[in-house]
Amino acid sequence: MSAWETVIGLEIHAQLATRSKIFSGSATAYGAPPNAQASLVDLGYPGVLPVLNAEAVRMAVKLGLAINARIAGTSVFARKNYFYPDLPKGYQISQYEQPIVAAGALDIVLDDGEVKRIGITRAHLEEDAGKSLHEGLPGVTGIDLNRAGTPLVEIVSEPHLRSAKEAVAYMKKVHTLVRYLEICDGNMQEGSFRCDANVSVRRSGAQQLGTRAEIKNLNSFRFVERAINYEVARQIEILESGGAVVQETRLYDPDRGETRSMRSKEEANDYRYFPDPDLLPVVLDQAFIEQVRATLPELPDQKAARFASQYGLSAYDAGVLTGSRELAAYYEDVVRELPREPKLAANWVMGELAAALNKENLEVGSGRLPAARLAGLLRRICDQTISGKIAKEVFETMWSEGASADAVIDAQGLRQITDTAAIERVIDEVMARNPAQLAEYRAGKDKLFGFFVGQVMKATAGKANPAQLNELLRAKLA
């Protein structure tokens, strides 16, 4: 593999979170009965005219500003002509020569910690096509046009990605960004966020790009990585066998873990692009752009840098905690309750809380464990009411029963023993019951210290304060 270099570019399609479609007033809500949200405009009836959704324009500009791109003063919609059952007009309204956003960039962090900048060629507005259905329809194809006309922003990267892992890191970065900006819900299962991957290989050191294959409609990070790795291996095998890679569009089959040919790859001239005569150019003045800029939230990289400096977190921890706007807000809510314990809060949010959410496939904003309630548990660790080990047991009960930390601690009698005399009394009893081990320890077998700690903890049902226990036990054993 080292004799070959992989070259990848991604075309990410993010469905904009508008209430209506890009050129009609039809709703965009997911899950409606087939064709219930398709107007005459969406159905391509003759004589009807598209009207541009201003909110879609505002969202595209918001994205462009977030990636430090150039916002076009004038952008033009074009007709992309092709014929497919779920495209009722016989063309898709998109942008071609004059997109609304161009020349941006995003930084990704590689496995070794290196920061790599990925160029973004353009981001343009377009309408989605409908959907062909086959399940439960033997011998025929059903057409659902609810998605037809749904607003998309297509984000096209430069071919700067050199591995499947880099491609996934970049896609995750875009996914995080569009959710921060609240321009896309990022729901990959519903098709709100998906990508096409352009993959080619070339000899290491070569300047000319290899022939690429485009893998269509990848809707999970795992599928992106697997599809690219398979495609890279396929192309290398062809080239090393003396064959030639064919430029084509391919689909990824997750059941077989392989890509397969769909059709020969079209060039731009195959689509016969021309400006849409029914839509005027989009003209944006600087005042509108600045108005949108004023609505930008604190972006993920900015938030991560602030978390690192303000809370003393590592770059890794800050990156994880700012992975979603909701998780970052939850963490700050916990820290607001415990301003002196940002690291403890980070460990619990990234540890127990994240594990519990993942186990039940819940979002952090589900309300299952409010931030104030988690802070209440951490406060009991800080004031030594319970140990960190017992806190994990308390957390499980809080998670399953929705109770507060104090309620669980009191109901189960879990308050930590911090009375020095009480701990010494138990130590004396343990030493008296284990004279042989005591003699061995005093003869130099230091490893038996852990044995005595365990016996005291067992006798106190794990309630003895660990720090006090260690200090008192060393003194007694000596």
Protein backbone atom coordinates (compact mmCIF):
# COMPACT_ATOMS: atom_id res chain seq x y z
CA MET A 1 0.00 0.00 0.00
CA SER A 2 2.94 2.39 0.66
CA ALA A 3 3.69 2.41 -3.08
CA TRP A 4 0.33 4.09 -3.61
CA GLU A 5 -1.21 7.35 -2.45
CA THR A 6 -4.94 7.70 -1.87
CA VAL A 7 -6.69 10.88 -2.97
CA ILE A 8 -10.20 11.62 -1.67
CA GLY A 9 -12.65 14.47 -2.04
CA LEU A 10 -16.06 14.54 -0.36
CA GLU A 11 -19.31 16.07 -1.56
CA ILE A 12 -21.42 16.44 1.56
CA HIS A 13 -25.16 17.05 1.23
CA ALA A 14 -26.69 18.77 4.26
CA GLN A 15 -30.45 19.21 4.33
CA LEU A 16 -31.22 22.72 5.48
CA ALA A 17 -33.47 23.03 8.53
CA THR A 18 -36.10 25.22 6.86
CA ARG A 19 -39.79 24.57 7.50
CA SER A 20 -40.63 24.69 3.78
CA LYS A 21 -38.91 23.62 0.56
CA ILE A 22 -36.43 25.70 -1.36
CA PHE A 23 -38.77 26.70 -4.23
CA SER A 24 -42.25 25.96 -2.87
CA GLY A 25 -44.30 26.26 0.31
CA SER A 26 -44.48 22.48 0.86
CA ALA A 27 -43.43 21.21 4.29
CA THR A 28 -40.11 19.43 4.82
CA ALA A 29 -41.07 17.40 7.93
CA TYR A 30 -39.80 13.81 7.92
CA GLY A 31 -42.12 10.80 7.98
CA ALA A 32 -45.23 12.07 6.18
CA PRO A 33 -47.22 9.58 4.03
CA PRO A 34 -45.81 9.27 0.47
CA ASN A 35 -46.50 12.30 -1.73
CA ALA A 36 -48.41 14.12 1.02
CA GLN A 37 -45.90 16.99 0.97
CA ALA A 38 -45.53 17.56 -2.77
CA SER A 39 -47.09 20.64 -4.37
CA LEU A 40 -47.60 21.33 -8.09
CA VAL A 41 -44.17 23.03 -8.12
CA ASP A 42 -42.53 19.91 -6.64
CA LEU A 43 -44.42 17.67 -9.07
CA GLY A 44 -43.12 19.63 -12.06
CA TYR A 45 -46.50 20.68 -13.44
CA PRO A 46 -46.22 22.96 -16.49
CA GLY A 47 -46.80 26.66 -15.94
CA VAL A 48 -45.89 26.74 -12.24
CA LEU A 49 -42.96 28.89 -11.13
CA PRO A 50 -40.36 28.39 -8.37
CA VAL A 51 -39.96 31.05 -5.65
CA LEU A 52 -36.66 31.04 -3.72
CA ASN A 53 -36.77 30.45 0.05
CA ALA A 54 -34.87 33.35 1.65
CA GLU A 55 -34.14 31.32 4.80
CA ALA A 56 -32.18 28.77 2.72
CA VAL A 57 -30.04 31.62 1.40
CA ARG A 58 -29.41 32.93 4.92
CA MET A 59 -28.34 29.47 6.10
CA ALA A 60 -25.93 29.00 3.19
CA VAL A 61 -24.34 32.38 3.95
CA LYS A 62 -24.06 31.41 7.62
CA LEU A 63 -22.13 28.28 6.62
CA GLY A 64 -19.88 30.27 4.30
CA LEU A 65 -18.96 32.74 7.04
CA ALA A 66 -18.23 29.89 9.48
CA ILE A 67 -15.68 28.33 7.08
CA ASN A 68 -14.11 31.71 6.21
CA ALA A 69 -15.23 31.39 2.62
CA ARG A 70 -15.99 33.99 -0.02
CA ILE A 71 -19.68 34.89 -0.15
CA ALA A 72 -20.73 35.67 -3.71
CA GLY A 73 -22.37 39.05 -4.26
CA THR A 74 -24.21 37.43 -7.16
CA SER A 75 -24.98 33.73 -7.50
CA VAL A 76 -27.01 31.98 -10.16
CA PHE A 77 -29.29 28.94 -10.19
CA ALA A 78 -28.88 26.53 -13.09
CA ARG A 79 -30.77 23.57 -14.48
CA LYS A 80 -28.93 20.26 -14.24
CA ASN A 81 -30.63 18.07 -16.82
CA TYR A 82 -31.00 14.35 -16.36
CA PHE A 83 -33.86 11.90 -16.50
CA TYR A 84 -34.81 9.71 -13.58
CA PRO A 85 -38.21 8.60 -12.23
CA ASP A 86 -37.93 10.57 -9.00
CA LEU A 87 -37.04 13.83 -10.81
CA PRO A 88 -40.42 14.98 -12.11
CA LYS A 89 -39.22 18.08 -14.00
CA GLY A 90 -36.49 16.21 -15.88
CA TYR A 91 -33.93 18.56 -14.32
CA GLN A 92 -32.64 19.54 -10.89
CA ILE A 93 -32.30 23.19 -9.90
CA SER A 94 -28.76 23.63 -8.58
CA GLN A 95 -25.87 26.09 -8.83
CA TYR A 96 -22.98 25.56 -11.20
CA GLU A 97 -20.64 28.29 -12.41
CA GLN A 98 -21.63 30.88 -9.79
CA PRO A 99 -22.22 29.21 -6.39
CA ILE A 100 -23.19 31.21 -3.33
CA VAL A 101 -20.10 30.11 -1.30
CA ALA A 102 -16.55 29.45 -2.53
CA ALA A 103 -12.96 28.99 -1.31
CA GLY A 104 -13.32 28.07 2.38
CA ALA A 105 -11.50 25.65 4.67
CA LEU A 106 -11.82 23.52 7.82
CA ASP A 107 -9.10 22.15 10.10
CA ILE A 108 -9.13 18.52 11.22
CA VAL A 109 -6.99 16.82 13.87
CA LEU A 110 -5.17 13.66 12.75
CA ASP A 111 -4.47 10.63 14.95
CA ASP A 112 -0.95 11.89 15.77
CA GLY A 113 -2.31 15.27 16.88
CA GLU A 114 -1.27 17.11 13.72
CA VAL A 115 -3.73 19.72 12.48
CA LYS A 116 -4.47 19.51 8.75
CA ARG A 117 -6.35 22.12 6.74
CA ILE A 118 -8.88 20.80 4.23
CA GLY A 119 -9.86 23.20 1.48
CA ILE A 120 -13.52 23.60 0.57
CA THR A 121 -13.94 24.38 -3.13
CA ARG A 122 -17.54 25.54 -2.91
CA ALA A 123 -20.88 25.18 -1.18
CA HIS A 124 -23.93 25.63 -3.34
CA LEU A 125 -27.68 25.53 -2.91
CA GLU A 126 -29.83 22.97 -4.70
CA GLU A 127 -33.05 21.03 -4.42
CA ASP A 128 -33.20 17.35 -3.50
CA ALA A 129 -34.80 14.72 -5.72
CA GLY A 130 -37.60 12.39 -4.69
CA LYS A 131 -37.15 8.79 -3.64
CA SER A 132 -37.69 5.48 -5.44
CA LEU A 133 -39.27 2.77 -3.26
CA HIS A 134 -39.07 -0.99 -3.80
CA GLU A 135 -39.96 -2.63 -0.47
CA GLY A 136 -43.37 -4.28 -0.52
CA LEU A 137 -43.82 -3.45 -4.20
CA PRO A 138 -42.93 -6.62 -6.12
CA GLY A 139 -42.24 -6.00 -9.79
CA VAL A 140 -42.82 -2.24 -9.64
CA THR A 141 -41.12 0.89 -8.32
CA GLY A 142 -42.96 3.37 -6.11
CA ILE A 143 -42.15 7.07 -6.29
CA ASP A 144 -42.35 9.29 -3.18
CA LEU A 145 -41.88 12.97 -4.03
CA ASN A 146 -41.99 14.30 -0.46
CA ARG A 147 -38.24 14.97 -0.61
CA ALA A 148 -38.42 16.58 -4.07
CA GLY A 149 -37.54 20.24 -3.61
CA THR A 150 -36.12 19.86 -0.11
CA PRO A 151 -33.33 22.45 0.29
CA LEU A 152 -29.76 21.16 0.34
CA VAL A 153 -26.38 22.79 0.63
CA GLU A 154 -23.73 20.70 -1.11
CA ILE A 155 -20.28 21.19 0.44
CA VAL A 156 -17.51 20.16 -1.97
CA SER A 157 -14.02 19.62 -0.56
CA GLU A 158 -10.72 19.88 -2.39
CA PRO A 159 -9.04 16.47 -2.97
CA HIS A 160 -6.90 17.01 0.14
CA LEU A 161 -7.91 13.88 2.07
CA ARG A 162 -5.39 11.03 2.03
CA SER A 163 -7.11 8.20 3.92
CA ALA A 164 -10.51 6.92 4.99
CA LYS A 165 -9.77 8.05 8.56
CA GLU A 166 -9.07 11.61 7.36
CA ALA A 167 -12.29 11.55 5.35
CA VAL A 168 -14.29 10.49 8.43
CA ALA A 169 -12.59 13.14 10.60
CA TYR A 170 -13.46 15.82 8.04
CA MET A 171 -17.04 14.61 7.66
CA LYS A 172 -17.50 14.60 11.44
CA LYS A 173 -16.12 18.14 11.59
CA VAL A 174 -18.66 19.34 9.00
CA HIS A 175 -21.41 17.43 10.83
CA THR A 176 -20.54 19.17 14.10
CA LEU A 177 -20.37 22.56 12.39
CA VAL A 178 -23.77 22.46 10.67
CA ARG A 179 -25.39 21.40 13.93
CA TYR A 180 -23.67 24.22 15.84
CA LEU A 181 -24.94 26.64 13.22
CA GLU A 182 -28.43 25.09 13.53
CA ILE A 183 -28.77 24.95 9.76
CA CYS A 184 -29.08 21.12 9.62
CA ASP A 185 -30.18 18.55 12.19
CA GLY A 186 -27.47 16.13 11.01
CA ASN A 187 -29.78 13.12 11.19
CA MET A 188 -28.00 10.57 9.01
CA GLN A 189 -30.65 7.86 9.44
CA GLU A 190 -33.26 10.17 7.88
CA GLY A 191 -30.92 11.25 5.09
CA SER A 192 -30.45 14.81 6.36
CA PHE A 193 -26.67 14.47 6.19
CA ARG A 194 -24.95 12.23 3.65
CA CYS A 195 -22.02 12.31 1.30
CA ASP A 196 -20.58 11.14 -2.01
CA ALA A 197 -16.91 10.15 -1.89
CA ASN A 198 -14.63 10.65 -4.91
CA VAL A 199 -11.79 8.15 -4.55
CA SER A 200 -8.67 7.60 -6.66
CA VAL A 201 -5.15 6.26 -6.19
CA ARG A 202 -1.82 7.20 -7.76
CA ARG A 203 1.77 6.08 -7.43
CA SER A 204 3.52 7.67 -4.46
CA GLY A 205 5.23 10.84 -5.59
CA ALA A 206 3.12 11.20 -8.74
CA GLN A 207 1.59 14.61 -9.45
CA GLN A 208 -1.22 13.64 -11.80
CA LEU A 209 -4.44 12.47 -10.20
CA GLY A 210 -5.65 8.94 -10.90
CA THR A 211 -9.01 8.05 -12.42
CA ARG A 212 -11.66 8.42 -9.75
CA ALA A 213 -14.77 6.53 -8.80
CA GLU A 214 -17.63 8.30 -7.04
CA ILE A 215 -19.33 6.34 -4.25
CA LYS A 216 -22.86 7.69 -3.83
CA ASN A 217 -25.11 8.32 -0.83
CA LEU A 218 -23.04 7.23 2.16
CA ASN A 219 -25.10 7.96 5.26
CA SER A 220 -22.94 6.83 8.18
CA PHE A 221 -19.37 7.49 9.27
CA ARG A 222 -18.73 3.76 9.48
CA PHE A 223 -19.94 3.19 5.91
CA VAL A 224 -17.76 6.05 4.64
CA GLU A 225 -14.64 4.48 6.14
CA ARG A 226 -15.45 0.95 4.97
CA ALA A 227 -16.50 2.02 1.46
CA ILE A 228 -13.35 4.08 0.90
CA ASN A 229 -11.03 1.36 2.21
CA TYR A 230 -12.69 -1.22 -0.04
CA GLU A 231 -12.53 1.08 -3.06
CA VAL A 232 -8.85 1.91 -2.51
CA ALA A 233 -7.97 -1.80 -2.31
CA ARG A 234 -10.06 -2.51 -5.43
CA GLN A 235 -8.36 0.16 -7.50
CA ILE A 236 -4.85 -0.83 -6.40
CA GLU A 237 -5.57 -4.46 -7.28
CA ILE A 238 -6.74 -3.43 -10.77
CA LEU A 239 -3.70 -1.25 -11.42
CA GLU A 240 -1.19 -3.77 -10.10
CA SER A 241 -2.78 -6.39 -12.35
CA GLY A 242 -2.12 -4.19 -15.38
CA GLY A 243 -5.71 -2.99 -15.76
CA ALA A 244 -7.17 0.51 -15.85
CA VAL A 245 -9.64 2.06 -13.40
CA VAL A 246 -12.86 3.15 -15.11
CA GLN A 247 -14.41 6.48 -14.17
CA GLU A 248 -17.83 5.55 -12.84
CA THR A 249 -20.43 6.00 -10.14
CA ARG A 250 -20.58 3.18 -7.59
CA LEU A 251 -22.83 2.19 -4.69
CA TYR A 252 -21.70 0.75 -1.36
CA ASP A 253 -23.38 -2.47 -0.23
CA PRO A 254 -23.05 -2.57 3.60
CA ASP A 255 -24.23 -6.19 3.79
CA ARG A 256 -21.39 -7.38 1.57
CA GLY A 257 -18.95 -4.66 2.58
CA GLU A 258 -18.15 -3.80 -1.04
CA THR A 259 -18.80 -1.20 -3.72
CA ARG A 260 -20.41 -2.10 -7.01
CA SER A 261 -20.82 -0.31 -10.31
CA MET A 262 -23.96 1.80 -10.77
CA ARG A 263 -23.33 3.70 -14.01
CA SER A 264 -20.56 5.35 -15.99
CA LYS A 265 -19.58 8.68 -14.47
CA GLU A 266 -21.03 11.70 -16.18
CA GLU A 267 -19.08 14.88 -16.90
CA ALA A 268 -20.54 18.35 -16.38
CA ASN A 269 -21.33 18.70 -20.09
CA ASP A 270 -23.50 15.57 -19.92
CA TYR A 271 -25.89 17.50 -17.70
CA ARG A 272 -26.22 20.43 -20.15
CA TYR A 273 -26.15 23.06 -17.41
CA PHE A 274 -27.70 26.43 -18.24
CA PRO A 275 -29.06 29.29 -16.09
CA ASP A 276 -32.61 28.65 -14.93
CA PRO A 277 -34.81 31.15 -16.81
CA ASP A 278 -37.47 31.07 -14.07
CA LEU A 279 -35.12 32.30 -11.31
CA LEU A 280 -33.37 35.65 -11.07
CA PRO A 281 -29.74 35.85 -9.90
CA VAL A 282 -29.37 36.02 -6.10
CA VAL A 283 -27.84 39.40 -5.23
CA LEU A 284 -26.54 39.91 -1.68
CA ASP A 285 -25.38 43.22 -0.28
CA GLN A 286 -22.77 43.58 2.46
CA ALA A 287 -25.37 44.69 4.98
CA PHE A 288 -27.21 41.36 4.65
CA ILE A 289 -23.96 39.40 5.00
CA GLU A 290 -22.99 41.34 8.14
CA GLN A 291 -26.47 40.80 9.54
CA VAL A 292 -25.98 37.04 9.15
CA ARG A 293 -22.46 37.26 10.62
CA ALA A 294 -23.94 38.80 13.77
CA THR A 295 -25.98 35.60 14.32
CA LEU A 296 -22.97 33.25 14.31
CA PRO A 297 -22.62 31.28 17.55
CA GLU A 298 -19.32 30.45 19.23
CA LEU A 299 -17.93 27.90 16.74
CA PRO A 300 -16.55 24.46 17.75
CA ASP A 301 -12.85 25.35 17.42
CA GLN A 302 -13.35 28.62 19.30
CA LYS A 303 -15.27 26.84 22.06
CA ALA A 304 -12.63 24.11 22.36
CA ALA A 305 -9.86 26.72 22.70
CA ARG A 306 -11.86 28.52 25.41
CA PHE A 307 -12.54 25.29 27.30
CA ALA A 308 -8.82 24.48 27.29
CA SER A 309 -7.81 27.92 28.61
CA GLN A 310 -10.74 28.66 30.92
CA TYR A 311 -11.10 25.21 32.50
CA GLY A 312 -7.52 23.93 32.22
CA LEU A 313 -8.55 20.96 30.06
CA SER A 314 -6.34 19.09 27.61
CA ALA A 315 -6.87 19.73 23.91
CA TYR A 316 -8.33 16.21 23.63
CA ASP A 317 -10.85 16.69 26.47
CA ALA A 318 -11.86 20.11 25.13
CA GLY A 319 -12.36 18.61 21.67
CA VAL A 320 -14.57 15.80 22.96
CA LEU A 321 -16.70 18.10 25.13
CA THR A 322 -17.29 20.51 22.25
CA GLY A 323 -18.16 17.69 19.84
CA SER A 324 -21.75 18.83 19.98
CA ARG A 325 -23.33 22.09 21.04
CA GLU A 326 -25.63 20.24 23.46
CA LEU A 327 -22.79 18.35 25.17
CA ALA A 328 -20.75 21.54 25.59
CA ALA A 329 -23.74 23.33 27.11
CA TYR A 330 -24.38 20.41 29.49
CA TYR A 331 -20.74 20.42 30.64
CA GLU A 332 -20.80 24.15 31.31
CA ASP A 333 -24.02 23.76 33.28
CA VAL A 334 -22.27 21.21 35.52
CA VAL A 335 -19.20 23.44 35.94
CA ARG A 336 -21.42 26.40 36.82
CA GLU A 337 -22.55 24.38 39.85
CA LEU A 338 -18.97 23.25 40.66
CA PRO A 339 -16.66 26.03 39.47
CA ARG A 340 -13.63 24.60 41.29
CA GLU A 341 -13.90 21.13 39.75
CA PRO A 342 -13.82 21.48 35.92
CA LYS A 343 -11.63 18.39 35.46
CA LEU A 344 -13.80 16.18 37.67
CA ALA A 345 -16.87 17.38 35.75
CA ALA A 346 -15.15 16.66 32.42
CA ASN A 347 -14.23 13.12 33.52
CA TRP A 348 -17.81 12.29 34.52
CA VAL A 349 -19.45 13.87 31.47
CA MET A 350 -17.07 12.06 29.10
CA GLY A 351 -17.10 8.88 31.18
CA GLU A 352 -20.18 7.65 33.03
CA LEU A 353 -22.65 10.02 31.39
CA ALA A 354 -21.42 9.40 27.82
CA ALA A 355 -21.40 5.62 28.39
CA ALA A 356 -24.98 5.66 29.75
CA LEU A 357 -26.21 7.77 26.82
CA ASN A 358 -24.48 5.54 24.26
CA LYS A 359 -25.84 2.38 25.86
CA GLU A 360 -29.42 3.57 25.38
CA ASN A 361 -28.74 5.55 22.19
CA LEU A 362 -29.91 8.80 23.81
CA GLU A 363 -28.94 12.40 23.15
CA VAL A 364 -27.43 14.46 25.96
CA GLY A 365 -30.49 16.71 25.96
CA SER A 366 -32.91 13.84 26.60
CA GLY A 367 -33.49 15.06 30.15
CA ARG A 368 -32.63 11.68 31.64
CA LEU A 369 -30.06 13.19 34.03
CA PRO A 370 -30.13 17.00 34.26
CA ALA A 371 -26.79 18.75 34.70
CA ALA A 372 -27.73 20.04 38.15
CA ARG A 373 -28.40 16.49 39.33
CA LEU A 374 -25.01 15.23 38.10
CA ALA A 375 -23.39 18.22 39.79
CA GLY A 376 -25.14 17.19 43.01
CA LEU A 377 -23.48 13.77 42.81
CA LEU A 378 -20.03 15.27 42.16
CA ARG A 379 -20.51 17.63 45.11
CA ARG A 380 -20.82 14.60 47.38
CA ILE A 381 -17.50 13.28 46.09
CA CYS A 382 -15.87 16.64 46.75
CA ASP A 383 -17.14 16.92 50.33
CA GLN A 384 -16.16 13.27 50.95
CA THR A 385 -19.70 12.15 51.67
CA ILE A 386 -19.05 9.23 49.27
CA SER A 387 -16.01 7.85 47.48
CA GLY A 388 -15.52 7.89 43.73
CA LYS A 389 -16.19 4.16 43.62
CA ILE A 390 -19.48 4.42 45.49
CA ALA A 391 -20.41 7.43 43.35
CA LYS A 392 -20.47 5.15 40.30
CA GLU A 393 -23.01 2.90 42.02
CA VAL A 394 -25.07 5.95 43.03
CA PHE A 395 -24.94 7.20 39.43
CA GLU A 396 -26.42 3.93 38.14
CA THR A 397 -29.37 4.23 40.54
CA MET A 398 -29.84 7.91 39.69
CA TRP A 399 -29.86 7.03 35.99
CA SER A 400 -32.34 4.19 36.30
CA GLU A 401 -34.67 5.71 38.91
CA GLY A 402 -34.38 9.46 38.25
CA ALA A 403 -33.54 10.16 41.90
CA SER A 404 -31.17 12.77 43.30
CA ALA A 405 -27.76 11.80 44.67
CA ASP A 406 -28.70 12.67 48.26
CA ALA A 407 -31.87 10.59 48.05
CA VAL A 408 -29.96 7.53 46.81
CA ILE A 409 -27.16 7.97 49.37
CA ASP A 410 -29.59 8.26 52.27
CA ALA A 411 -31.87 5.45 51.08
CA GLN A 412 -28.96 3.01 50.74
CA GLY A 413 -26.93 4.24 53.73
CA LEU A 414 -23.89 4.99 51.62
CA ARG A 415 -22.44 7.98 53.43
CA GLN A 416 -18.69 7.62 53.74
CA ILE A 417 -17.11 6.96 57.11
CA THR A 418 -14.78 9.88 57.89
CA ASP A 419 -14.66 9.43 61.66
CA THR A 420 -11.01 8.68 62.45
CA ALA A 421 -11.78 6.68 65.58
CA ALA A 422 -14.31 4.50 63.75
CA ILE A 423 -11.84 3.71 60.95
CA GLU A 424 -9.05 2.95 63.48
CA ARG A 425 -11.36 0.59 65.33
CA VAL A 426 -12.02 -1.42 62.15
CA ILE A 427 -8.28 -1.45 61.30
CA ASP A 428 -7.51 -2.88 64.74
CA GLU A 429 -10.11 -5.62 64.26
CA VAL A 430 -8.74 -6.55 60.80
CA MET A 431 -5.15 -6.67 62.12
CA ALA A 432 -6.25 -8.88 65.04
CA ARG A 433 -8.00 -11.31 62.66
CA ASN A 434 -4.99 -11.63 60.37
CA PRO A 435 -1.84 -12.07 62.52
CA ALA A 436 0.03 -14.11 59.87
CA GLN A 437 -0.39 -11.47 57.18
CA LEU A 438 0.52 -8.76 59.69
CA ALA A 439 3.78 -10.55 60.52
CA GLU A 440 4.60 -10.98 56.82
CA TYR A 441 3.94 -7.29 56.12
CA ARG A 442 6.16 -6.20 58.99
CA ALA A 443 8.83 -8.61 57.72
CA GLY A 444 8.96 -6.62 54.48
CA LYS A 445 6.17 -7.98 52.29
CA ASP A 446 4.81 -4.53 51.36
CA LYS A 447 2.36 -5.88 48.78
CA LEU A 448 0.12 -7.06 51.63
CA PHE A 449 -0.86 -3.44 52.22
CA GLY A 450 -3.51 -3.86 49.52
CA PHE A 451 -4.82 -6.93 51.34
CA PHE A 452 -5.43 -4.92 54.52
CA VAL A 453 -7.06 -2.08 52.58
CA GLY A 454 -9.41 -4.58 50.99
CA GLN A 455 -10.30 -6.17 54.34
CA VAL A 456 -11.11 -2.81 55.93
CA MET A 457 -13.17 -1.77 52.94
CA LYS A 458 -15.03 -5.08 53.08
CA ALA A 459 -15.73 -4.62 56.77
CA THR A 460 -17.06 -1.09 56.20
CA ALA A 461 -19.04 -2.05 53.06
CA GLY A 462 -16.75 0.23 51.04
CA LYS A 463 -17.68 3.29 53.10
CA ALA A 464 -14.30 4.11 54.69
CA ASN A 465 -12.75 7.28 53.27
CA PRO A 466 -9.90 5.93 51.08
CA ALA A 467 -7.41 8.72 51.80
CA GLN A 468 -7.98 8.56 55.55
CA LEU A 469 -7.87 4.77 55.50
CA ASN A 470 -4.51 4.66 53.72
CA GLU A 471 -2.95 7.17 56.11
CA LEU A 472 -4.27 5.52 59.27
CA LEU A 473 -3.51 1.99 58.05
CA ARG A 474 0.14 2.80 57.26
CA ALA A 475 0.58 4.23 60.71
CA LYS A 476 -1.05 1.23 62.40
CA LEU A 477 0.84 -1.38 60.36
CA ALA A 478 4.14 0.33 61.08
